[in-house]
Amino acid sequence: MNLLLDSHVLIWTLTEDERLSEKARQLILDPDNVIYYSTASIWEIAIKHANHPDEIEFSGKELSAFCREAGFLQLEIRDKHVYALETLVRSEDARPHKDPFDRILLAQAKAENMSFLTHDTLIPDYNEKCVIQV
């Protein structure tokens, strides 16, 4: 299975953070699964590191290097991913979700027929079958 990691799941994986669930850990360590990280996650961390270097201790460039060292594959943002954004629908009664990084990550997973590993409780409100809540 091809797995795209949400930014926080990616960071928790690389830093061996205790917040990474056992379910996520098993999926990521399964040798039959291929792990991907997105350019969007690198972009997100680069912005957050620039704005809050005391909270995000590594740069986007460093995160990218850590991902490659871990053997993860990069998923670049393509036009078809942007087009897939237009297919993401939330029900009217769903809680608001305004994070553009989460939306492009979900759109990438959907467009590439990948599973999207996330801990974000707002992502399942999109009702996309590619979402794996961890």
N, C-alpha and C. Protein backbone atom coordinates (compact mmCIF):
# COMPACT_ATOMS: atom_id res chain seq x y z
N MET A 1 0.85 -1.17 0.00
CA MET A 1 0.00 0.00 0.00
C MET A 1 0.90 1.23 0.00
N ASN A 2 0.52 2.26 -0.74
CA ASN A 2 1.23 3.52 -0.76
C ASN A 2 0.61 4.44 0.28
N LEU A 3 1.43 4.91 1.21
CA LEU A 3 0.95 5.74 2.30
C LEU A 3 1.55 7.13 2.21
N LEU A 4 0.70 8.15 2.22
CA LEU A 4 1.15 9.53 2.31
C LEU A 4 0.94 9.97 3.74
N LEU A 5 2.00 10.46 4.37
CA LEU A 5 1.92 10.86 5.78
C LEU A 5 1.56 12.34 5.90
N ASP A 6 0.58 12.62 6.75
CA ASP A 6 0.27 13.99 7.11
C ASP A 6 1.51 14.57 7.80
N SER A 7 1.66 15.87 7.78
CA SER A 7 2.88 16.51 8.29
C SER A 7 3.19 16.12 9.73
N HIS A 8 2.20 16.14 10.60
CA HIS A 8 2.47 15.82 12.00
C HIS A 8 2.81 14.33 12.16
N VAL A 9 2.18 13.46 11.41
CA VAL A 9 2.51 12.03 11.48
C VAL A 9 3.93 11.82 10.97
N LEU A 10 4.31 12.54 9.94
CA LEU A 10 5.66 12.47 9.41
C LEU A 10 6.68 12.88 10.47
N ILE A 11 6.45 13.99 11.11
CA ILE A 11 7.38 14.47 12.15
C ILE A 11 7.42 13.51 13.32
N TRP A 12 6.27 13.04 13.76
CA TRP A 12 6.24 12.10 14.88
C TRP A 12 6.99 10.82 14.54
N THR A 13 6.89 10.39 13.30
CA THR A 13 7.60 9.19 12.86
C THR A 13 9.10 9.39 12.92
N LEU A 14 9.55 10.50 12.35
CA LEU A 14 10.99 10.76 12.27
C LEU A 14 11.62 11.04 13.63
N THR A 15 10.85 11.61 14.55
CA THR A 15 11.38 11.94 15.87
C THR A 15 11.05 10.88 16.92
N GLU A 16 10.41 9.81 16.47
CA GLU A 16 9.99 8.73 17.37
C GLU A 16 9.18 9.27 18.55
N ASP A 17 8.27 10.17 18.23
CA ASP A 17 7.43 10.82 19.23
C ASP A 17 6.41 9.83 19.77
N GLU A 18 6.16 9.89 21.05
CA GLU A 18 5.21 8.97 21.68
C GLU A 18 3.77 9.22 21.24
N ARG A 19 3.49 10.36 20.61
CA ARG A 19 2.13 10.63 20.12
C ARG A 19 1.79 9.81 18.88
N LEU A 20 2.78 9.22 18.24
CA LEU A 20 2.51 8.37 17.08
C LEU A 20 1.80 7.11 17.58
N SER A 21 0.62 6.86 17.06
CA SER A 21 -0.15 5.72 17.53
C SER A 21 0.47 4.40 17.10
N GLU A 22 0.11 3.36 17.79
CA GLU A 22 0.60 2.02 17.44
C GLU A 22 0.11 1.62 16.05
N LYS A 23 -1.12 1.99 15.74
CA LYS A 23 -1.67 1.69 14.42
C LYS A 23 -0.82 2.34 13.33
N ALA A 24 -0.47 3.60 13.51
CA ALA A 24 0.36 4.31 12.53
C ALA A 24 1.73 3.67 12.44
N ARG A 25 2.30 3.37 13.58
CA ARG A 25 3.64 2.76 13.62
C ARG A 25 3.66 1.43 12.85
N GLN A 26 2.65 0.61 13.05
CA GLN A 26 2.59 -0.67 12.35
C GLN A 26 2.47 -0.50 10.85
N LEU A 27 1.63 0.46 10.42
CA LEU A 27 1.46 0.70 8.99
C LEU A 27 2.76 1.21 8.36
N ILE A 28 3.43 2.10 9.06
CA ILE A 28 4.66 2.69 8.53
C ILE A 28 5.79 1.68 8.49
N LEU A 29 5.86 0.81 9.47
CA LEU A 29 6.94 -0.19 9.53
C LEU A 29 6.67 -1.43 8.68
N ASP A 30 5.44 -1.58 8.19
CA ASP A 30 5.11 -2.74 7.38
C ASP A 30 5.92 -2.70 6.08
N PRO A 31 6.76 -3.70 5.83
CA PRO A 31 7.62 -3.68 4.64
C PRO A 31 6.86 -3.73 3.32
N ASP A 32 5.58 -4.08 3.36
CA ASP A 32 4.77 -4.09 2.14
C ASP A 32 4.25 -2.69 1.78
N ASN A 33 4.41 -1.73 2.68
CA ASN A 33 3.92 -0.38 2.44
C ASN A 33 5.07 0.52 1.99
N VAL A 34 4.76 1.43 1.08
CA VAL A 34 5.71 2.43 0.61
C VAL A 34 5.31 3.76 1.22
N ILE A 35 6.26 4.44 1.85
CA ILE A 35 5.96 5.66 2.59
C ILE A 35 6.37 6.88 1.77
N TYR A 36 5.43 7.81 1.66
CA TYR A 36 5.65 9.05 0.93
C TYR A 36 5.49 10.25 1.85
N TYR A 37 6.24 11.29 1.54
CA TYR A 37 6.04 12.59 2.16
C TYR A 37 5.83 13.59 1.03
N SER A 38 5.14 14.66 1.32
CA SER A 38 4.79 15.62 0.28
C SER A 38 5.65 16.88 0.35
N THR A 39 5.84 17.46 -0.81
CA THR A 39 6.46 18.78 -0.88
C THR A 39 5.67 19.77 -0.02
N ALA A 40 4.36 19.57 0.08
CA ALA A 40 3.52 20.45 0.89
C ALA A 40 3.95 20.42 2.36
N SER A 41 4.34 19.26 2.86
CA SER A 41 4.80 19.16 4.25
C SER A 41 6.12 19.92 4.44
N ILE A 42 7.00 19.82 3.46
CA ILE A 42 8.27 20.54 3.54
C ILE A 42 7.99 22.04 3.54
N TRP A 43 7.09 22.48 2.68
CA TRP A 43 6.70 23.89 2.59
C TRP A 43 6.09 24.35 3.92
N GLU A 44 5.20 23.56 4.47
CA GLU A 44 4.55 23.90 5.73
C GLU A 44 5.57 24.07 6.85
N ILE A 45 6.49 23.13 6.96
CA ILE A 45 7.49 23.18 8.03
C ILE A 45 8.45 24.34 7.81
N ALA A 46 8.80 24.62 6.57
CA ALA A 46 9.68 25.76 6.28
C ALA A 46 9.06 27.06 6.78
N ILE A 47 7.75 27.22 6.54
CA ILE A 47 7.05 28.43 6.99
C ILE A 47 6.99 28.47 8.52
N LYS A 48 6.61 27.35 9.12
CA LYS A 48 6.49 27.32 10.58
C LYS A 48 7.84 27.50 11.26
N HIS A 49 8.89 26.93 10.70
CA HIS A 49 10.23 27.09 11.27
C HIS A 49 10.68 28.55 11.17
N ALA A 50 10.42 29.19 10.03
CA ALA A 50 10.80 30.60 9.87
C ALA A 50 10.06 31.50 10.86
N ASN A 51 8.79 31.19 11.11
CA ASN A 51 7.98 32.00 12.02
C ASN A 51 8.19 31.67 13.49
N HIS A 52 8.51 30.42 13.79
CA HIS A 52 8.63 29.97 15.19
C HIS A 52 9.79 28.99 15.34
N PRO A 53 11.03 29.44 15.14
CA PRO A 53 12.16 28.51 15.22
C PRO A 53 12.33 27.87 16.60
N ASP A 54 11.78 28.50 17.62
CA ASP A 54 11.86 27.93 18.96
C ASP A 54 10.90 26.75 19.12
N GLU A 55 9.84 26.69 18.30
CA GLU A 55 8.86 25.60 18.38
C GLU A 55 9.14 24.50 17.35
N ILE A 56 9.54 24.89 16.15
CA ILE A 56 9.88 23.93 15.08
C ILE A 56 11.38 24.03 14.90
N GLU A 57 12.09 23.05 15.42
CA GLU A 57 13.54 23.14 15.54
C GLU A 57 14.31 22.84 14.26
N PHE A 58 13.64 22.32 13.24
CA PHE A 58 14.35 22.00 12.00
C PHE A 58 13.69 22.70 10.83
N SER A 59 14.49 22.95 9.83
CA SER A 59 14.01 23.65 8.64
C SER A 59 13.33 22.67 7.68
N GLY A 60 12.70 23.21 6.67
CA GLY A 60 12.12 22.37 5.64
C GLY A 60 13.20 21.55 4.94
N LYS A 61 14.33 22.15 4.69
CA LYS A 61 15.44 21.45 4.04
C LYS A 61 15.93 20.29 4.90
N GLU A 62 16.02 20.52 6.20
CA GLU A 62 16.44 19.44 7.11
C GLU A 62 15.40 18.33 7.16
N LEU A 63 14.12 18.71 7.19
CA LEU A 63 13.06 17.70 7.20
C LEU A 63 13.13 16.83 5.95
N SER A 64 13.34 17.46 4.82
CA SER A 64 13.46 16.72 3.56
C SER A 64 14.62 15.73 3.62
N ALA A 65 15.73 16.17 4.17
CA ALA A 65 16.90 15.28 4.30
C ALA A 65 16.59 14.12 5.23
N PHE A 66 15.91 14.38 6.34
CA PHE A 66 15.54 13.31 7.27
C PHE A 66 14.64 12.29 6.59
N CYS A 67 13.70 12.78 5.77
CA CYS A 67 12.79 11.88 5.05
C CYS A 67 13.55 10.98 4.09
N ARG A 68 14.48 11.56 3.35
CA ARG A 68 15.26 10.76 2.40
C ARG A 68 16.12 9.73 3.14
N GLU A 69 16.71 10.14 4.26
CA GLU A 69 17.52 9.21 5.07
C GLU A 69 16.68 8.04 5.56
N ALA A 70 15.42 8.31 5.85
CA ALA A 70 14.51 7.26 6.34
C ALA A 70 14.01 6.36 5.20
N GLY A 71 14.32 6.74 3.97
CA GLY A 71 13.89 5.93 2.83
C GLY A 71 12.50 6.28 2.32
N PHE A 72 11.96 7.41 2.75
CA PHE A 72 10.65 7.83 2.30
C PHE A 72 10.79 8.46 0.91
N LEU A 73 9.74 8.35 0.12
CA LEU A 73 9.73 8.91 -1.23
C LEU A 73 8.98 10.23 -1.26
N GLN A 74 9.47 11.16 -2.05
CA GLN A 74 8.83 12.47 -2.14
C GLN A 74 7.73 12.48 -3.17
N LEU A 75 6.61 13.09 -2.81
CA LEU A 75 5.50 13.31 -3.73
C LEU A 75 5.42 14.81 -3.97
N GLU A 76 5.80 15.21 -5.18
CA GLU A 76 5.75 16.63 -5.54
C GLU A 76 4.32 17.03 -5.86
N ILE A 77 4.04 18.30 -5.74
CA ILE A 77 2.70 18.81 -6.04
C ILE A 77 2.58 18.98 -7.55
N ARG A 78 1.54 18.39 -8.10
CA ARG A 78 1.28 18.44 -9.54
C ARG A 78 -0.08 19.10 -9.81
N ASP A 79 -0.30 19.48 -11.05
CA ASP A 79 -1.58 20.10 -11.41
C ASP A 79 -2.76 19.22 -11.03
N LYS A 80 -2.66 17.91 -11.26
CA LYS A 80 -3.80 17.04 -10.96
C LYS A 80 -4.13 17.03 -9.48
N HIS A 81 -3.15 17.31 -8.63
CA HIS A 81 -3.41 17.39 -7.19
C HIS A 81 -4.24 18.64 -6.89
N VAL A 82 -3.88 19.74 -7.55
CA VAL A 82 -4.62 20.98 -7.36
C VAL A 82 -6.05 20.81 -7.87
N TYR A 83 -6.21 20.15 -9.01
CA TYR A 83 -7.56 19.90 -9.54
C TYR A 83 -8.38 19.05 -8.57
N ALA A 84 -7.73 18.10 -7.92
CA ALA A 84 -8.43 17.22 -6.97
C ALA A 84 -8.95 18.00 -5.76
N LEU A 85 -8.34 19.14 -5.46
CA LEU A 85 -8.86 19.99 -4.38
C LEU A 85 -10.33 20.33 -4.60
N GLU A 86 -10.68 20.53 -5.86
CA GLU A 86 -12.05 20.93 -6.19
C GLU A 86 -13.05 19.80 -5.98
N THR A 87 -12.57 18.59 -5.78
CA THR A 87 -13.47 17.45 -5.57
C THR A 87 -13.68 17.15 -4.09
N LEU A 88 -12.94 17.82 -3.23
CA LEU A 88 -13.07 17.59 -1.78
C LEU A 88 -14.29 18.33 -1.27
N VAL A 89 -15.20 17.59 -0.65
CA VAL A 89 -16.45 18.18 -0.18
C VAL A 89 -16.66 17.79 1.28
N ARG A 90 -17.08 18.76 2.05
CA ARG A 90 -17.44 18.52 3.45
C ARG A 90 -18.93 18.78 3.60
N SER A 91 -19.56 18.01 4.44
CA SER A 91 -20.99 18.24 4.66
C SER A 91 -21.18 19.59 5.36
N GLU A 92 -22.35 20.14 5.20
CA GLU A 92 -22.63 21.47 5.76
C GLU A 92 -22.52 21.50 7.28
N ASP A 93 -22.77 20.37 7.93
CA ASP A 93 -22.71 20.33 9.38
C ASP A 93 -21.32 19.98 9.92
N ALA A 94 -20.33 19.81 9.03
CA ALA A 94 -18.97 19.48 9.45
C ALA A 94 -18.31 20.71 10.08
N ARG A 95 -17.45 20.44 11.02
CA ARG A 95 -16.70 21.52 11.66
C ARG A 95 -15.81 22.22 10.61
N PRO A 96 -15.59 23.52 10.75
CA PRO A 96 -14.76 24.24 9.77
C PRO A 96 -13.34 23.69 9.72
N HIS A 97 -12.79 23.68 8.51
CA HIS A 97 -11.41 23.22 8.31
C HIS A 97 -10.76 24.16 7.32
N LYS A 98 -9.78 24.92 7.76
CA LYS A 98 -9.22 25.98 6.93
C LYS A 98 -7.74 25.78 6.62
N ASP A 99 -7.20 24.61 6.89
CA ASP A 99 -5.77 24.38 6.70
C ASP A 99 -5.48 23.99 5.25
N PRO A 100 -4.88 24.89 4.47
CA PRO A 100 -4.62 24.57 3.05
C PRO A 100 -3.61 23.43 2.86
N PHE A 101 -2.69 23.26 3.80
CA PHE A 101 -1.72 22.17 3.69
C PHE A 101 -2.41 20.82 3.83
N ASP A 102 -3.33 20.71 4.79
CA ASP A 102 -4.07 19.46 4.95
C ASP A 102 -4.88 19.15 3.70
N ARG A 103 -5.49 20.17 3.13
CA ARG A 103 -6.33 19.94 1.95
C ARG A 103 -5.52 19.48 0.75
N ILE A 104 -4.34 20.06 0.52
CA ILE A 104 -3.55 19.62 -0.63
C ILE A 104 -3.00 18.22 -0.38
N LEU A 105 -2.64 17.90 0.85
CA LEU A 105 -2.17 16.54 1.16
C LEU A 105 -3.27 15.52 0.89
N LEU A 106 -4.48 15.83 1.33
CA LEU A 106 -5.61 14.92 1.10
C LEU A 106 -5.89 14.80 -0.40
N ALA A 107 -5.84 15.91 -1.11
CA ALA A 107 -6.07 15.88 -2.56
C ALA A 107 -4.99 15.06 -3.26
N GLN A 108 -3.75 15.17 -2.82
CA GLN A 108 -2.68 14.37 -3.41
C GLN A 108 -2.94 12.89 -3.21
N ALA A 109 -3.27 12.51 -1.99
CA ALA A 109 -3.54 11.10 -1.71
C ALA A 109 -4.69 10.60 -2.58
N LYS A 110 -5.74 11.38 -2.68
CA LYS A 110 -6.90 10.99 -3.48
C LYS A 110 -6.51 10.84 -4.95
N ALA A 111 -5.80 11.82 -5.49
CA ALA A 111 -5.44 11.80 -6.91
C ALA A 111 -4.48 10.67 -7.26
N GLU A 112 -3.65 10.27 -6.30
CA GLU A 112 -2.64 9.24 -6.55
C GLU A 112 -3.07 7.86 -6.07
N ASN A 113 -4.31 7.73 -5.61
CA ASN A 113 -4.81 6.46 -5.07
C ASN A 113 -3.93 5.94 -3.94
N MET A 114 -3.54 6.85 -3.06
CA MET A 114 -2.76 6.50 -1.88
C MET A 114 -3.67 6.54 -0.66
N SER A 115 -3.19 5.98 0.43
CA SER A 115 -3.88 6.15 1.71
C SER A 115 -3.20 7.29 2.44
N PHE A 116 -4.00 8.12 3.09
CA PHE A 116 -3.51 9.30 3.79
C PHE A 116 -3.59 9.07 5.29
N LEU A 117 -2.43 8.95 5.93
CA LEU A 117 -2.38 8.73 7.38
C LEU A 117 -2.39 10.07 8.10
N THR A 118 -3.41 10.29 8.92
CA THR A 118 -3.54 11.54 9.65
C THR A 118 -4.06 11.29 11.06
N HIS A 119 -3.70 12.19 11.93
CA HIS A 119 -4.22 12.18 13.30
C HIS A 119 -5.25 13.31 13.46
N ASP A 120 -5.35 14.16 12.46
CA ASP A 120 -6.24 15.32 12.48
C ASP A 120 -7.70 14.86 12.51
N THR A 121 -8.44 15.29 13.50
CA THR A 121 -9.82 14.86 13.66
C THR A 121 -10.78 15.54 12.68
N LEU A 122 -10.32 16.56 11.97
CA LEU A 122 -11.18 17.25 11.00
C LEU A 122 -11.13 16.62 9.61
N ILE A 123 -10.08 15.88 9.31
CA ILE A 123 -9.91 15.29 7.97
C ILE A 123 -10.99 14.25 7.65
N PRO A 124 -11.38 13.38 8.57
CA PRO A 124 -12.42 12.40 8.23
C PRO A 124 -13.75 13.02 7.80
N ASP A 125 -13.98 14.29 8.15
CA ASP A 125 -15.22 14.95 7.74
C ASP A 125 -15.30 15.16 6.23
N TYR A 126 -14.22 14.91 5.52
CA TYR A 126 -14.26 14.97 4.05
C TYR A 126 -14.87 13.69 3.46
N ASN A 127 -14.97 12.64 4.27
CA ASN A 127 -15.55 11.38 3.83
C ASN A 127 -14.86 10.81 2.59
N GLU A 128 -13.55 10.92 2.55
CA GLU A 128 -12.76 10.35 1.46
C GLU A 128 -12.27 8.98 1.91
N LYS A 129 -12.43 7.98 1.05
CA LYS A 129 -12.05 6.63 1.44
C LYS A 129 -10.55 6.45 1.57
N CYS A 130 -9.75 7.40 1.12
CA CYS A 130 -8.29 7.28 1.24
C CYS A 130 -7.78 7.62 2.63
N VAL A 131 -8.62 8.17 3.50
CA VAL A 131 -8.20 8.62 4.82
C VAL A 131 -8.10 7.44 5.78
N ILE A 132 -6.96 7.37 6.46
CA ILE A 132 -6.79 6.42 7.57
C ILE A 132 -6.50 7.26 8.80
N GLN A 133 -7.45 7.27 9.71
CA GLN A 133 -7.30 8.02 10.96
C GLN A 133 -6.41 7.22 11.90
N VAL A 134 -5.31 7.83 12.31
CA VAL A 134 -4.37 7.16 13.22
C VAL A 134 -4.15 8.04 14.44
